[in-house]
PDB file of N, CA and C in Angstrom:
ATOM      1  N   UNK A   1     111.396 -15.359  42.800  1.00  0.00           N
ATOM      2  CA  UNK A   1     112.506 -14.547  42.329  1.00  0.00           C
ATOM      3  C   UNK A   1     112.866 -13.544  43.420  1.00  0.00           C
ATOM      4  N   UNK A   2     114.130 -13.304  43.633  1.00  0.00           N
ATOM      5  CA  UNK A   2     114.582 -12.390  44.678  1.00  0.00           C
ATOM      6  C   UNK A   2     114.782 -10.980  44.133  1.00  0.00           C
ATOM      7  N   UNK A   3     114.576  -9.999  44.992  1.00  0.00           N
ATOM      8  CA  UNK A   3     114.835  -8.606  44.619  1.00  0.00           C
ATOM      9  C   UNK A   3     116.321  -8.406  44.371  1.00  0.00           C
ATOM     10  N   UNK A   4     116.617  -7.500  43.455  1.00  0.00           N
ATOM     11  CA  UNK A   4     118.003  -7.119  43.183  1.00  0.00           C
ATOM     12  C   UNK A   4     118.185  -5.668  43.598  1.00  0.00           C
ATOM     13  N   UNK A   5     119.354  -5.348  44.155  1.00  0.00           N
ATOM     14  CA  UNK A   5     119.707  -3.977  44.511  1.00  0.00           C
ATOM     15  C   UNK A   5     120.361  -3.308  43.312  1.00  0.00           C
ATOM     16  N   UNK A   6     119.973  -2.074  43.005  1.00  0.00           N
ATOM     17  CA  UNK A   6     120.576  -1.318  41.915  1.00  0.00           C
ATOM     18  C   UNK A   6     121.144  -0.010  42.434  1.00  0.00           C
ATOM     19  N   UNK A   7     122.332   0.322  41.987  1.00  0.00           N
ATOM     20  CA  UNK A   7     122.928   1.639  42.222  1.00  0.00           C
ATOM     21  C   UNK A   7     123.008   2.299  40.851  1.00  0.00           C
ATOM     22  N   UNK A   8     122.170   3.292  40.621  1.00  0.00           N
ATOM     23  CA  UNK A   8     122.020   3.882  39.290  1.00  0.00           C
ATOM     24  C   UNK A   8     122.816   5.178  39.218  1.00  0.00           C
ATOM     25  N   UNK A   9     123.777   5.224  38.319  1.00  0.00           N
ATOM     26  CA  UNK A   9     124.629   6.405  38.174  1.00  0.00           C
ATOM     27  C   UNK A   9     124.487   7.060  36.804  1.00  0.00           C
ATOM     28  N   UNK A  10     123.773   6.435  35.904  1.00  0.00           N
ATOM     29  CA  UNK A  10     123.619   6.974  34.560  1.00  0.00           C
ATOM     30  C   UNK A  10     122.259   7.648  34.418  1.00  0.00           C
ATOM     31  N   UNK A  11     122.284   8.909  34.006  1.00  0.00           N
ATOM     32  CA  UNK A  11     121.061   9.688  33.789  1.00  0.00           C
ATOM     33  C   UNK A  11     121.029  10.093  32.319  1.00  0.00           C
ATOM     34  N   UNK A  12     120.017   9.688  31.572  1.00  0.00           N
ATOM     35  CA  UNK A  12     118.808   8.984  31.980  1.00  0.00           C
ATOM     36  C   UNK A  12     119.036   7.487  32.144  1.00  0.00           C
ATOM     37  N   UNK A  13     118.159   6.861  32.942  1.00  0.00           N
ATOM     38  CA  UNK A  13     118.176   5.424  33.151  1.00  0.00           C
ATOM     39  C   UNK A  13     116.941   4.836  32.485  1.00  0.00           C
ATOM     40  N   UNK A  14     117.140   3.909  31.549  1.00  0.00           N
ATOM     41  CA  UNK A  14     116.029   3.207  30.914  1.00  0.00           C
ATOM     42  C   UNK A  14     115.983   1.787  31.445  1.00  0.00           C
ATOM     43  N   UNK A  15     114.817   1.362  31.872  1.00  0.00           N
ATOM     44  CA  UNK A  15     114.640   0.009  32.385  1.00  0.00           C
ATOM     45  C   UNK A  15     114.539  -0.942  31.193  1.00  0.00           C
ATOM     46  N   UNK A  16     115.654  -1.550  30.841  1.00  0.00           N
ATOM     47  CA  UNK A  16     115.708  -2.473  29.711  1.00  0.00           C
ATOM     48  C   UNK A  16     115.472  -3.921  30.126  1.00  0.00           C
ATOM     49  N   UNK A  17     115.041  -4.131  31.354  1.00  0.00           N
ATOM     50  CA  UNK A  17     114.784  -5.492  31.825  1.00  0.00           C
ATOM     51  C   UNK A  17     113.299  -5.818  31.655  1.00  0.00           C
ATOM     52  N   UNK A  18     112.949  -7.049  31.994  1.00  0.00           N
ATOM     53  CA  UNK A  18     111.548  -7.471  31.983  1.00  0.00           C
ATOM     54  C   UNK A  18     110.907  -7.295  33.365  1.00  0.00           C
ATOM     55  N   UNK A  19     111.684  -6.774  34.320  1.00  0.00           N
ATOM     56  CA  UNK A  19     111.206  -6.584  35.681  1.00  0.00           C
ATOM     57  C   UNK A  19     110.912  -5.102  35.935  1.00  0.00           C
ATOM     58  N   UNK A  20     110.368  -4.815  37.111  1.00  0.00           N
ATOM     59  CA  UNK A  20     110.069  -3.453  37.512  1.00  0.00           C
ATOM     60  C   UNK A  20     111.186  -2.933  38.413  1.00  0.00           C
ATOM     61  N   UNK A  21     111.419  -1.627  38.385  1.00  0.00           N
ATOM     62  CA  UNK A  21     112.436  -0.992  39.217  1.00  0.00           C
ATOM     63  C   UNK A  21     111.733   0.033  40.107  1.00  0.00           C
ATOM     64  N   UNK A  22     111.972  -0.057  41.420  1.00  0.00           N
ATOM     65  CA  UNK A  22     111.411   0.920  42.355  1.00  0.00           C
ATOM     66  C   UNK A  22     112.537   1.779  42.905  1.00  0.00           C
ATOM     67  N   UNK A  23     112.414   3.083  42.698  1.00  0.00           N
ATOM     68  CA  UNK A  23     113.396   4.031  43.207  1.00  0.00           C
ATOM     69  C   UNK A  23     113.183   4.189  44.710  1.00  0.00           C
ATOM     70  N   UNK A  24     114.246   4.002  45.489  1.00  0.00           N
ATOM     71  CA  UNK A  24     114.167   4.151  46.937  1.00  0.00           C
ATOM     72  C   UNK A  24     114.684   5.502  47.397  1.00  0.00           C
ATOM     73  N   UNK A  25     115.715   5.997  46.715  1.00  0.00           N
ATOM     74  CA  UNK A  25     116.314   7.259  47.110  1.00  0.00           C
ATOM     75  C   UNK A  25     117.096   7.831  45.935  1.00  0.00           C
ATOM     76  N   UNK A  26     117.046   9.152  45.787  1.00  0.00           N
ATOM     77  CA  UNK A  26     117.849   9.824  44.768  1.00  0.00           C
ATOM     78  C   UNK A  26     118.671  10.913  45.423  1.00  0.00           C
ATOM     79  N   UNK A  27     119.835  11.185  44.831  1.00  0.00           N
ATOM     80  CA  UNK A  27     120.577  12.347  45.290  1.00  0.00           C
ATOM     81  C   UNK A  27     119.886  13.582  44.746  1.00  0.00           C
ATOM     82  N   UNK A  28     119.967  14.655  45.490  1.00  0.00           N
ATOM     83  CA  UNK A  28     119.291  15.883  45.105  1.00  0.00           C
ATOM     84  C   UNK A  28     120.073  16.631  44.042  1.00  0.00           C
ATOM     85  N   UNK A  29     119.337  17.246  43.146  1.00  0.00           N
ATOM     86  CA  UNK A  29     119.939  18.201  42.234  1.00  0.00           C
ATOM     87  C   UNK A  29     120.156  19.497  43.002  1.00  0.00           C
ATOM     88  N   UNK A  30     121.046  20.373  42.557  1.00  0.00           N
ATOM     89  CA  UNK A  30     121.240  21.633  43.275  1.00  0.00           C
ATOM     90  C   UNK A  30     119.953  22.445  43.318  1.00  0.00           C
ATOM     91  N   UNK A  31     119.726  23.212  44.406  1.00  0.00           N
ATOM     92  CA  UNK A  31     118.552  24.072  44.475  1.00  0.00           C
ATOM     93  C   UNK A  31     118.528  25.043  43.298  1.00  0.00           C
ATOM     94  N   UNK A  32     117.325  25.352  42.800  1.00  0.00           N
ATOM     95  CA  UNK A  32     117.224  26.205  41.626  1.00  0.00           C
ATOM     96  C   UNK A  32     116.860  27.644  41.963  1.00  0.00           C
ATOM     97  N   UNK A  33     116.648  27.956  43.226  1.00  0.00           N
ATOM     98  CA  UNK A  33     116.349  29.329  43.614  1.00  0.00           C
ATOM     99  C   UNK A  33     115.605  29.374  44.930  1.00  0.00           C
ATOM    100  N   UNK A  34     115.524  30.557  45.485  1.00  0.00           N
ATOM    101  CA  UNK A  34     114.903  30.729  46.793  1.00  0.00           C
ATOM    102  C   UNK A  34     113.440  30.328  46.768  1.00  0.00           C
ATOM    103  N   UNK A  35     113.089  29.336  47.582  1.00  0.00           N
ATOM    104  CA  UNK A  35     111.708  28.921  47.726  1.00  0.00           C
ATOM    105  C   UNK A  35     111.094  28.299  46.496  1.00  0.00           C
ATOM    106  N   UNK A  36     111.889  27.920  45.519  1.00  0.00           N
ATOM    107  CA  UNK A  36     111.357  27.369  44.275  1.00  0.00           C
ATOM    108  C   UNK A  36     111.292  25.857  44.337  1.00  0.00           C
ATOM    109  N   UNK A  37     110.435  25.287  43.521  1.00  0.00           N
ATOM    110  CA  UNK A  37     110.327  23.841  43.427  1.00  0.00           C
ATOM    111  C   UNK A  37     111.257  23.339  42.347  1.00  0.00           C
ATOM    112  N   UNK A  38     111.922  22.249  42.609  1.00  0.00           N
ATOM    113  CA  UNK A  38     112.803  21.665  41.613  1.00  0.00           C
ATOM    114  C   UNK A  38     112.599  20.175  41.538  1.00  0.00           C
ATOM    115  N   UNK A  39     112.672  19.622  40.353  1.00  0.00           N
ATOM    116  CA  UNK A  39     112.485  18.200  40.179  1.00  0.00           C
ATOM    117  C   UNK A  39     113.718  17.420  40.544  1.00  0.00           C
ATOM    118  N   UNK A  40     113.545  16.279  41.149  1.00  0.00           N
ATOM    119  CA  UNK A  40     114.643  15.386  41.477  1.00  0.00           C
ATOM    120  C   UNK A  40     114.541  14.095  40.700  1.00  0.00           C
ATOM    121  N   UNK A  41     113.776  14.050  39.664  1.00  0.00           N
ATOM    122  CA  UNK A  41     113.634  12.871  38.842  1.00  0.00           C
ATOM    123  C   UNK A  41     112.285  12.855  38.154  1.00  0.00           C
ATOM    124  N   UNK A  42     112.289  12.462  36.904  1.00  0.00           N
ATOM    125  CA  UNK A  42     111.061  12.429  36.120  1.00  0.00           C
ATOM    126  C   UNK A  42     110.910  11.038  35.505  1.00  0.00           C
ATOM    127  N   UNK A  43     109.730  10.442  35.636  1.00  0.00           N
ATOM    128  CA  UNK A  43     109.403   9.164  35.022  1.00  0.00           C
ATOM    129  C   UNK A  43     108.806   9.441  33.650  1.00  0.00           C
ATOM    130  N   UNK A  44     109.346   8.787  32.619  1.00  0.00           N
ATOM    131  CA  UNK A  44     108.942   9.036  31.237  1.00  0.00           C
ATOM    132  C   UNK A  44     108.495   7.729  30.599  1.00  0.00           C
ATOM    133  N   UNK A  45     107.328   7.759  29.933  1.00  0.00           N
ATOM    134  CA  UNK A  45     106.835   6.550  29.261  1.00  0.00           C
ATOM    135  C   UNK A  45     107.592   6.333  27.950  1.00  0.00           C
ATOM    136  N   UNK A  46     107.401   5.193  27.269  1.00  0.00           N
ATOM    137  CA  UNK A  46     108.130   4.902  26.038  1.00  0.00           C
ATOM    138  C   UNK A  46     107.885   5.908  24.908  1.00  0.00           C
ATOM    139  N   UNK A  47     106.799   6.673  24.984  1.00  0.00           N
ATOM    140  CA  UNK A  47     106.518   7.685  23.957  1.00  0.00           C
ATOM    141  C   UNK A  47     107.127   9.038  24.287  1.00  0.00           C
ATOM    142  N   UNK A  48     107.859   9.138  25.410  1.00  0.00           N
ATOM    143  CA  UNK A  48     108.519  10.386  25.783  1.00  0.00           C
ATOM    144  C   UNK A  48     107.684  11.325  26.626  1.00  0.00           C
ATOM    145  N   UNK A  49     106.548  10.871  27.106  1.00  0.00           N
ATOM    146  CA  UNK A  49     105.680  11.711  27.941  1.00  0.00           C
ATOM    147  C   UNK A  49     106.080  11.595  29.405  1.00  0.00           C
ATOM    148  N   UNK A  50     106.248  12.725  30.073  1.00  0.00           N
ATOM    149  CA  UNK A  50     106.491  12.726  31.507  1.00  0.00           C
ATOM    150  C   UNK A  50     105.222  12.341  32.236  1.00  0.00           C
ATOM    151  N   UNK A  51     105.278  11.320  33.080  1.00  0.00           N
ATOM    152  CA  UNK A  51     104.069  10.833  33.743  1.00  0.00           C
ATOM    153  C   UNK A  51     104.162  10.845  35.266  1.00  0.00           C
ATOM    154  N   UNK A  52     105.317  11.113  35.805  1.00  0.00           N
ATOM    155  CA  UNK A  52     105.480  11.161  37.250  1.00  0.00           C
ATOM    156  C   UNK A  52     106.798  11.799  37.585  1.00  0.00           C
ATOM    157  N   UNK A  53     106.890  12.377  38.771  1.00  0.00           N
ATOM    158  CA  UNK A  53     108.130  13.015  39.163  1.00  0.00           C
ATOM    159  C   UNK A  53     108.266  13.046  40.673  1.00  0.00           C
ATOM    160  N   UNK A  54     109.521  13.131  41.128  1.00  0.00           N
ATOM    161  CA  UNK A  54     109.810  13.409  42.520  1.00  0.00           C
ATOM    162  C   UNK A  54     109.926  14.915  42.621  1.00  0.00           C
ATOM    163  N   UNK A  55     109.471  15.492  43.700  1.00  0.00           N
ATOM    164  CA  UNK A  55     109.429  16.932  43.830  1.00  0.00           C
ATOM    165  C   UNK A  55     110.193  17.355  45.064  1.00  0.00           C
ATOM    166  N   UNK A  56     111.037  18.357  44.902  1.00  0.00           N
ATOM    167  CA  UNK A  56     111.778  18.893  46.034  1.00  0.00           C
ATOM    168  C   UNK A  56     111.469  20.365  46.230  1.00  0.00           C
ATOM    169  N   UNK A  57     111.562  20.820  47.459  1.00  0.00           N
ATOM    170  CA  UNK A  57     111.382  22.242  47.753  1.00  0.00           C
ATOM    171  C   UNK A  57     112.736  22.800  48.136  1.00  0.00           C
ATOM    172  N   UNK A  58     113.171  23.835  47.437  1.00  0.00           N
ATOM    173  CA  UNK A  58     114.461  24.453  47.708  1.00  0.00           C
ATOM    174  C   UNK A  58     114.268  25.743  48.484  1.00  0.00           C
ATOM    175  N   UNK A  59     115.093  25.956  49.468  1.00  0.00           N
ATOM    176  CA  UNK A  59     115.077  27.208  50.215  1.00  0.00           C
ATOM    177  C   UNK A  59     116.497  27.744  50.252  1.00  0.00           C
ATOM    178  N   UNK A  60     116.663  29.002  49.961  1.00  0.00           N
ATOM    179  CA  UNK A  60     118.001  29.562  49.902  1.00  0.00           C
ATOM    180  C   UNK A  60     117.943  31.016  50.361  1.00  0.00           C
ATOM    181  N   UNK A  61     118.489  31.303  51.537  1.00  0.00           N
ATOM    182  CA  UNK A  61     118.582  32.667  52.038  1.00  0.00           C
ATOM    183  C   UNK A  61     120.051  33.020  52.163  1.00  0.00           C
ATOM    184  N   UNK A  62     120.483  34.034  51.468  1.00  0.00           N
ATOM    185  CA  UNK A  62     121.879  34.447  51.554  1.00  0.00           C
ATOM    186  C   UNK A  62     122.020  35.687  52.409  1.00  0.00           C
ATOM    187  N   UNK A  63     123.096  35.793  53.181  1.00  0.00           N
ATOM    188  CA  UNK A  63     123.261  36.944  54.060  1.00  0.00           C
ATOM    189  C   UNK A  63     123.594  38.218  53.291  1.00  0.00           C
ATOM    190  N   UNK A  64     123.922  38.120  52.014  1.00  0.00           N
ATOM    191  CA  UNK A  64     124.220  39.321  51.242  1.00  0.00           C
ATOM    192  C   UNK A  64     122.957  40.095  50.884  1.00  0.00           C
ATOM    193  N   UNK A  65     121.801  39.428  50.855  1.00  0.00           N
ATOM    194  CA  UNK A  65     120.564  40.102  50.467  1.00  0.00           C
ATOM    195  C   UNK A  65     119.564  40.214  51.607  1.00  0.00           C
ATOM    196  N   UNK A  66     119.927  39.746  52.794  1.00  0.00           N
ATOM    197  CA  UNK A  66     119.008  39.819  53.934  1.00  0.00           C
ATOM    198  C   UNK A  66     119.745  40.391  55.131  1.00  0.00           C
ATOM    199  N   UNK A  67     119.017  40.657  56.178  1.00  0.00           N
ATOM    200  CA  UNK A  67     119.621  41.178  57.404  1.00  0.00           C
ATOM    201  C   UNK A  67     120.129  40.061  58.302  1.00  0.00           C
ATOM    202  N   UNK A  68     119.900  38.826  57.918  1.00  0.00           N
ATOM    203  CA  UNK A  68     120.306  37.705  58.755  1.00  0.00           C
ATOM    204  C   UNK A  68     121.813  37.473  58.638  1.00  0.00           C
ATOM    205  N   UNK A  69     122.453  37.158  59.739  1.00  0.00           N
ATOM    206  CA  UNK A  69     123.894  36.891  59.680  1.00  0.00           C
ATOM    207  C   UNK A  69     124.215  35.466  59.242  1.00  0.00           C
ATOM    208  N   UNK A  70     123.179  34.663  58.962  1.00  0.00           N
ATOM    209  CA  UNK A  70     123.392  33.266  58.613  1.00  0.00           C
ATOM    210  C   UNK A  70     122.893  32.986  57.209  1.00  0.00           C
ATOM    211  N   UNK A  71     123.428  31.954  56.605  1.00  0.00           N
ATOM    212  CA  UNK A  71     122.962  31.510  55.295  1.00  0.00           C
ATOM    213  C   UNK A  71     122.311  30.145  55.464  1.00  0.00           C
ATOM    214  N   UNK A  72     121.140  29.989  54.902  1.00  0.00           N
ATOM    215  CA  UNK A  72     120.436  28.713  54.946  1.00  0.00           C
ATOM    216  C   UNK A  72     120.176  28.274  53.523  1.00  0.00           C
ATOM    217  N   UNK A  73     120.530  27.043  53.209  1.00  0.00           N
ATOM    218  CA  UNK A  73     120.264  26.508  51.884  1.00  0.00           C
ATOM    219  C   UNK A  73     119.940  25.041  52.031  1.00  0.00           C
ATOM    220  N   UNK A  74     118.902  24.608  51.377  1.00  0.00           N
ATOM    221  CA  UNK A  74     118.556  23.196  51.475  1.00  0.00           C
ATOM    222  C   UNK A  74     117.648  22.764  50.357  1.00  0.00           C
ATOM    223  N   UNK A  75     117.576  21.467  50.145  1.00  0.00           N
ATOM    224  CA  UNK A  75     116.695  20.877  49.146  1.00  0.00           C
ATOM    225  C   UNK A  75     116.035  19.691  49.821  1.00  0.00           C
ATOM    226  N   UNK A  76     114.707  19.712  49.925  1.00  0.00           N
ATOM    227  CA  UNK A  76     113.995  18.715  50.685  1.00  0.00           C
ATOM    228  C   UNK A  76     113.061  17.927  49.779  1.00  0.00           C
ATOM    229  N   UNK A  77     113.431  16.713  49.366  1.00  0.00           N
ATOM    230  CA  UNK A  77     112.552  15.954  48.481  1.00  0.00           C
ATOM    231  C   UNK A  77     111.343  15.397  49.219  1.00  0.00           C
ATOM    232  N   UNK A  78     110.230  15.388  48.547  1.00  0.00           N
ATOM    233  CA  UNK A  78     109.030  14.765  49.095  1.00  0.00           C
ATOM    234  C   UNK A  78     109.125  13.262  48.918  1.00  0.00           C
ATOM    235  N   UNK A  79     108.435  12.534  49.762  1.00  0.00           N
ATOM    236  CA  UNK A  79     108.446  11.078  49.675  1.00  0.00           C
ATOM    237  C   UNK A  79     107.339  10.621  48.733  1.00  0.00           C
ATOM    238  N   UNK A  80     107.714  10.017  47.634  1.00  0.00           N
ATOM    239  CA  UNK A  80     106.760   9.516  46.658  1.00  0.00           C
ATOM    240  C   UNK A  80     107.249   8.163  46.165  1.00  0.00           C
ATOM    241  N   UNK A  81     106.334   7.361  45.656  1.00  0.00           N
ATOM    242  CA  UNK A  81     106.709   6.066  45.099  1.00  0.00           C
ATOM    243  C   UNK A  81     106.880   6.220  43.597  1.00  0.00           C
ATOM    244  N   UNK A  82     108.059   5.851  43.111  1.00  0.00           N
ATOM    245  CA  UNK A  82     108.327   5.846  41.669  1.00  0.00           C
ATOM    246  C   UNK A  82     108.701   4.424  41.284  1.00  0.00           C
ATOM    247  N   UNK A  83     107.887   3.817  40.432  1.00  0.00           N
ATOM    248  CA  UNK A  83     108.158   2.480  39.908  1.00  0.00           C
ATOM    249  C   UNK A  83     108.331   2.623  38.403  1.00  0.00           C
ATOM    250  N   UNK A  84     109.442   2.093  37.903  1.00  0.00           N
ATOM    251  CA  UNK A  84     109.765   2.196  36.483  1.00  0.00           C
ATOM    252  C   UNK A  84     109.416   0.874  35.808  1.00  0.00           C
ATOM    253  N   UNK A  85     108.364   0.864  34.988  1.00  0.00           N
ATOM    254  CA  UNK A  85     108.006  -0.363  34.263  1.00  0.00           C
ATOM    255  C   UNK A  85     109.045  -0.671  33.178  1.00  0.00           C
ATOM    256  N   UNK A  86     109.043  -1.906  32.689  1.00  0.00           N
ATOM    257  CA  UNK A  86     109.941  -2.242  31.580  1.00  0.00           C
ATOM    258  C   UNK A  86     109.730  -1.287  30.400  1.00  0.00           C
ATOM    259  N   UNK A  87     110.837  -0.792  29.848  1.00  0.00           N
ATOM    260  CA  UNK A  87     110.789   0.095  28.690  1.00  0.00           C
ATOM    261  C   UNK A  87     110.617   1.563  29.020  1.00  0.00           C
ATOM    262  N   UNK A  88     110.403   1.902  30.276  1.00  0.00           N
ATOM    263  CA  UNK A  88     110.227   3.300  30.678  1.00  0.00           C
ATOM    264  C   UNK A  88     111.562   3.870  31.147  1.00  0.00           C
ATOM    265  N   UNK A  89     111.636   5.196  31.263  1.00  0.00           N
ATOM    266  CA  UNK A  89     112.876   5.900  31.591  1.00  0.00           C
ATOM    267  C   UNK A  89     112.690   6.787  32.810  1.00  0.00           C
ATOM    268  N   UNK A  90     113.763   6.906  33.596  1.00  0.00           N
ATOM    269  CA  UNK A  90     113.815   7.833  34.727  1.00  0.00           C
ATOM    270  C   UNK A  90     114.974   8.771  34.457  1.00  0.00           C
ATOM    271  N   UNK A  91     114.726  10.096  34.536  1.00  0.00           N
ATOM    272  CA  UNK A  91     115.783  11.045  34.189  1.00  0.00           C
ATOM    273  C   UNK A  91     115.742  12.269  35.103  1.00  0.00           C
ATOM    274  N   UNK A  92     116.759  13.097  34.954  1.00  0.00           N
ATOM    275  CA  UNK A  92     116.945  14.342  35.697  1.00  0.00           C
ATOM    276  C   UNK A  92     117.104  14.097  37.192  1.00  0.00           C
ATOM    277  N   UNK A  93     118.102  13.303  37.529  1.00  0.00           N
ATOM    278  CA  UNK A  93     118.441  13.017  38.918  1.00  0.00           C
ATOM    279  C   UNK A  93     119.955  12.907  38.993  1.00  0.00           C
ATOM    280  N   UNK A  94     120.477  12.872  40.182  1.00  0.00           N
ATOM    281  CA  UNK A  94     121.919  12.714  40.356  1.00  0.00           C
ATOM    282  C   UNK A  94     122.304  11.247  40.307  1.00  0.00           C
ATOM    283  N   UNK A  95     122.137  10.564  41.416  1.00  0.00           N
ATOM    284  CA  UNK A  95     122.339   9.120  41.530  1.00  0.00           C
ATOM    285  C   UNK A  95     121.149   8.555  42.288  1.00  0.00           C
ATOM    286  N   UNK A  96     120.918   7.273  42.128  1.00  0.00           N
ATOM    287  CA  UNK A  96     119.761   6.668  42.785  1.00  0.00           C
ATOM    288  C   UNK A  96     120.097   5.271  43.284  1.00  0.00           C
ATOM    289  N   UNK A  97     119.384   4.857  44.321  1.00  0.00           N
ATOM    290  CA  UNK A  97     119.397   3.460  44.722  1.00  0.00           C
ATOM    291  C   UNK A  97     117.982   2.941  44.514  1.00  0.00           C
ATOM    292  N   UNK A  98     117.892   1.676  44.131  1.00  0.00           N
ATOM    293  CA  UNK A  98     116.604   1.107  43.752  1.00  0.00           C
ATOM    294  C   UNK A  98     116.627  -0.397  43.971  1.00  0.00           C
ATOM    295  N   UNK A  99     115.451  -0.995  43.869  1.00  0.00           N
ATOM    296  CA  UNK A  99     115.330  -2.444  43.857  1.00  0.00           C
ATOM    297  C   UNK A  99     114.629  -2.845  42.569  1.00  0.00           C
ATOM    298  N   UNK A 100     114.939  -4.054  42.109  1.00  0.00           N
ATOM    299  CA  UNK A 100     114.376  -4.562  40.857  1.00  0.00           C
ATOM    300  C   UNK A 100     113.800  -5.940  41.104  1.00  0.00           C
ATOM    301  N   UNK A 101     112.598  -6.177  40.569  1.00  0.00           N
ATOM    302  CA  UNK A 101     111.949  -7.477  40.718  1.00  0.00           C
ATOM    303  C   UNK A 101     110.576  -7.447  40.069  1.00  0.00           C
ATOM    304  N   UNK A 102     109.737  -8.403  40.452  1.00  0.00           N
ATOM    305  CA  UNK A 102     108.364  -8.407  39.943  1.00  0.00           C
ATOM    306  C   UNK A 102     107.621  -7.219  40.544  1.00  0.00           C
ATOM    307  N   UNK A 103     106.485  -6.866  39.964  1.00  0.00           N
ATOM    308  CA  UNK A 103     105.698  -5.756  40.492  1.00  0.00           C
ATOM    309  C   UNK A 103     105.301  -6.023  41.939  1.00  0.00           C
ATOM    310  N   UNK A 104     104.887  -7.228  42.240  1.00  0.00           N
ATOM    311  CA  UNK A 104     104.484  -7.574  43.600  1.00  0.00           C
ATOM    312  C   UNK A 104     105.653  -7.418  44.583  1.00  0.00           C
ATOM    313  N   UNK A 105     106.865  -7.837  44.174  1.00  0.00           N
ATOM    314  CA  UNK A 105     108.024  -7.729  45.052  1.00  0.00           C
ATOM    315  C   UNK A 105     108.400  -6.284  45.344  1.00  0.00           C
ATOM    316  N   UNK A 106     108.427  -5.441  44.306  1.00  0.00           N
ATOM    317  CA  UNK A 106     108.847  -4.051  44.546  1.00  0.00           C
ATOM    318  C   UNK A 106     107.781  -3.268  45.300  1.00  0.00           C
ATOM    319  N   UNK A 107     106.522  -3.663  45.190  1.00  0.00           N
ATOM    320  CA  UNK A 107     105.469  -2.980  45.937  1.00  0.00           C
ATOM    321  C   UNK A 107     105.535  -3.303  47.421  1.00  0.00           C
ATOM    322  N   UNK A 108     106.119  -4.445  47.795  1.00  0.00           N
ATOM    323  CA  UNK A 108     106.210  -4.842  49.197  1.00  0.00           C
ATOM    324  C   UNK A 108     107.313  -4.122  49.954  1.00  0.00           C
ATOM    325  N   UNK A 109     108.218  -3.464  49.269  1.00  0.00           N
ATOM    326  CA  UNK A 109     109.348  -2.787  49.913  1.00  0.00           C
ATOM    327  C   UNK A 109     108.839  -1.543  50.634  1.00  0.00           C
ATOM    328  N   UNK A 110     109.253  -1.371  51.875  1.00  0.00           N
ATOM    329  CA  UNK A 110     108.835  -0.199  52.671  1.00  0.00           C
ATOM    330  C   UNK A 110     109.960   0.776  52.754  1.00  0.00           C
TER     331      UNK A 110
END
């Protein structure tokens, strides 16, 4: 069976297939505050329990509250593997690209 490419635009996304879905990249949610951690996606089991997440570090320095003449703002997601089993849900993200296939196929993707 060949891998399928998915462009996921609906949040939350529930894997209603019999195959596994591996998230390759998600768009970042807006930063939630200076130096704070913000989630870029949460993996939820069929019972509604959060079991995994992508984590981003937000940094936001505004020139109105500091002596710096520049403003720096960014959101830097950590690299983690998120695989969505059949019947599980991925939520709290912007948009995502992913591959879908057997567990062995999605694990081989680099």
